[in-house]
Amino acid sequence: MIDEIAPMELHSKKFQKAVKESLNCEKPLLAVIHRRSSHPLILSVKNREDILIFEVTSENRNSLPYEILDALKKSSNE
């Protein structure tokens, strides 16, 4: 899990490297990103074909943990 990939954290080259390594690991990864970020690393994450993006809204915030858990279970079965 990566709690947040945000502008402040992205100033760190070590952090960016760790995120890239985590993304290329075969284990599932759950990360929080800013929707409007235009940082190249965030854009590259959003454009990956192996990524599912869930947007948190006031309507889905209670059910979203279950949706994410289901997606993680499916990915571990593949």
C-alpha atoms as a PDB file:
ATOM      1  CA  MET A   1       0.000   0.000   0.000  1.00  0.00           C
ATOM      2  CA  ILE A   2       1.076   3.508  -0.747  1.00  0.00           C
ATOM      3  CA  ASP A   3      -0.969   5.946   1.296  1.00  0.00           C
ATOM      4  CA  GLU A   4      -0.509   8.815  -1.072  1.00  0.00           C
ATOM      5  CA  ILE A   5       1.343   9.668  -4.251  1.00  0.00           C
ATOM      6  CA  ALA A   6       0.982  13.433  -4.121  1.00  0.00           C
ATOM      7  CA  PRO A   7       2.894  16.559  -5.184  1.00  0.00           C
ATOM      8  CA  MET A   8       4.937  16.817  -1.978  1.00  0.00           C
ATOM      9  CA  GLU A   9       6.035  13.166  -2.070  1.00  0.00           C
ATOM     10  CA  LEU A  10       6.882  13.390  -5.763  1.00  0.00           C
ATOM     11  CA  HIS A  11       9.687  15.850  -5.027  1.00  0.00           C
ATOM     12  CA  SER A  12      11.675  12.874  -3.745  1.00  0.00           C
ATOM     13  CA  LYS A  13      13.523  10.886  -6.423  1.00  0.00           C
ATOM     14  CA  LYS A  14      13.852   7.996  -3.933  1.00  0.00           C
ATOM     15  CA  PHE A  15      10.080   7.962  -3.460  1.00  0.00           C
ATOM     16  CA  GLN A  16       9.507   8.004  -7.218  1.00  0.00           C
ATOM     17  CA  LYS A  17      11.906   5.093  -7.629  1.00  0.00           C
ATOM     18  CA  ALA A  18      10.156   3.125  -4.878  1.00  0.00           C
ATOM     19  CA  VAL A  19       6.760   3.723  -6.523  1.00  0.00           C
ATOM     20  CA  LYS A  20       8.053   2.542  -9.897  1.00  0.00           C
ATOM     21  CA  GLU A  21       9.551  -0.584  -8.326  1.00  0.00           C
ATOM     22  CA  SER A  22       6.284  -1.300  -6.514  1.00  0.00           C
ATOM     23  CA  LEU A  23       4.315  -0.940  -9.739  1.00  0.00           C
ATOM     24  CA  ASN A  24       6.549  -3.454 -11.479  1.00  0.00           C
ATOM     25  CA  CYS A  25       6.253  -6.024  -8.702  1.00  0.00           C
ATOM     26  CA  GLU A  26       3.944  -8.971  -9.341  1.00  0.00           C
ATOM     27  CA  LYS A  27       2.063  -8.407  -6.086  1.00  0.00           C
ATOM     28  CA  PRO A  28      -1.106  -6.310  -6.009  1.00  0.00           C
ATOM     29  CA  LEU A  29      -0.589  -2.676  -5.089  1.00  0.00           C
ATOM     30  CA  LEU A  30      -3.121  -0.293  -3.602  1.00  0.00           C
ATOM     31  CA  ALA A  31      -2.176   3.374  -3.867  1.00  0.00           C
ATOM     32  CA  VAL A  32      -3.875   6.715  -3.414  1.00  0.00           C
ATOM     33  CA  ILE A  33      -3.258   9.283  -6.150  1.00  0.00           C
ATOM     34  CA  HIS A  34      -4.542  12.770  -6.779  1.00  0.00           C
ATOM     35  CA  ARG A  35      -7.070  12.800  -9.597  1.00  0.00           C
ATOM     36  CA  ARG A  36      -6.004  16.131 -11.080  1.00  0.00           C
ATOM     37  CA  SER A  37      -2.261  15.629 -10.846  1.00  0.00           C
ATOM     38  CA  SER A  38      -0.363  16.109 -14.086  1.00  0.00           C
ATOM     39  CA  HIS A  39       2.973  14.858 -12.783  1.00  0.00           C
ATOM     40  CA  PRO A  40       4.578  12.492 -15.323  1.00  0.00           C
ATOM     41  CA  LEU A  41       4.713   9.618 -12.832  1.00  0.00           C
ATOM     42  CA  ILE A  42       1.010   9.960 -12.001  1.00  0.00           C
ATOM     43  CA  LEU A  43       0.118  10.159 -15.682  1.00  0.00           C
ATOM     44  CA  SER A  44       2.172   7.042 -16.396  1.00  0.00           C
ATOM     45  CA  VAL A  45       0.365   5.205 -13.588  1.00  0.00           C
ATOM     46  CA  LYS A  46      -3.047   6.274 -14.887  1.00  0.00           C
ATOM     47  CA  ASN A  47      -2.155   5.106 -18.401  1.00  0.00           C
ATOM     48  CA  ARG A  48      -1.040   1.603 -17.447  1.00  0.00           C
ATOM     49  CA  GLU A  49      -3.272  -1.186 -18.720  1.00  0.00           C
ATOM     50  CA  ASP A  50      -2.898  -3.183 -15.502  1.00  0.00           C
ATOM     51  CA  ILE A  51      -4.334  -0.438 -13.286  1.00  0.00           C
ATOM     52  CA  LEU A  52      -7.842  -0.083 -11.892  1.00  0.00           C
ATOM     53  CA  ILE A  53      -8.794   3.408 -10.786  1.00  0.00           C
ATOM     54  CA  PHE A  54     -11.495   3.962  -8.204  1.00  0.00           C
ATOM     55  CA  GLU A  55     -12.700   7.480  -7.551  1.00  0.00           C
ATOM     56  CA  VAL A  56     -13.849   8.175  -4.008  1.00  0.00           C
ATOM     57  CA  THR A  57     -17.116  10.082  -3.825  1.00  0.00           C
ATOM     58  CA  SER A  58     -19.546  10.821  -1.030  1.00  0.00           C
ATOM     59  CA  GLU A  59     -21.930   8.331  -2.640  1.00  0.00           C
ATOM     60  CA  ASN A  60     -19.496   5.391  -2.826  1.00  0.00           C
ATOM     61  CA  ARG A  61     -17.131   5.960   0.097  1.00  0.00           C
ATOM     62  CA  ASN A  62     -18.856   3.358   2.270  1.00  0.00           C
ATOM     63  CA  SER A  63     -19.075   0.644  -0.383  1.00  0.00           C
ATOM     64  CA  LEU A  64     -15.734   1.363  -2.037  1.00  0.00           C
ATOM     65  CA  PRO A  65     -13.613  -0.674   0.411  1.00  0.00           C
ATOM     66  CA  TYR A  66     -15.647  -3.752  -0.547  1.00  0.00           C
ATOM     67  CA  GLU A  67     -15.256  -3.045  -4.266  1.00  0.00           C
ATOM     68  CA  ILE A  68     -11.505  -2.673  -3.840  1.00  0.00           C
ATOM     69  CA  LEU A  69     -11.304  -5.855  -1.787  1.00  0.00           C
ATOM     70  CA  ASP A  70     -13.202  -7.746  -4.500  1.00  0.00           C
ATOM     71  CA  ALA A  71     -10.809  -6.416  -7.152  1.00  0.00           C
ATOM     72  CA  LEU A  72      -7.794  -7.457  -5.072  1.00  0.00           C
ATOM     73  CA  LYS A  73      -9.243 -10.940  -4.588  1.00  0.00           C
ATOM     74  CA  LYS A  74      -9.802 -11.277  -8.343  1.00  0.00           C
ATOM     75  CA  SER A  75      -6.266 -10.156  -9.119  1.00  0.00           C
ATOM     76  CA  SER A  76      -4.801 -12.702  -6.711  1.00  0.00           C
ATOM     77  CA  ASN A  77      -6.751 -15.484  -8.450  1.00  0.00           C
ATOM     78  CA  GLU A  78      -5.358 -14.619 -11.887  1.00  0.00           C
END
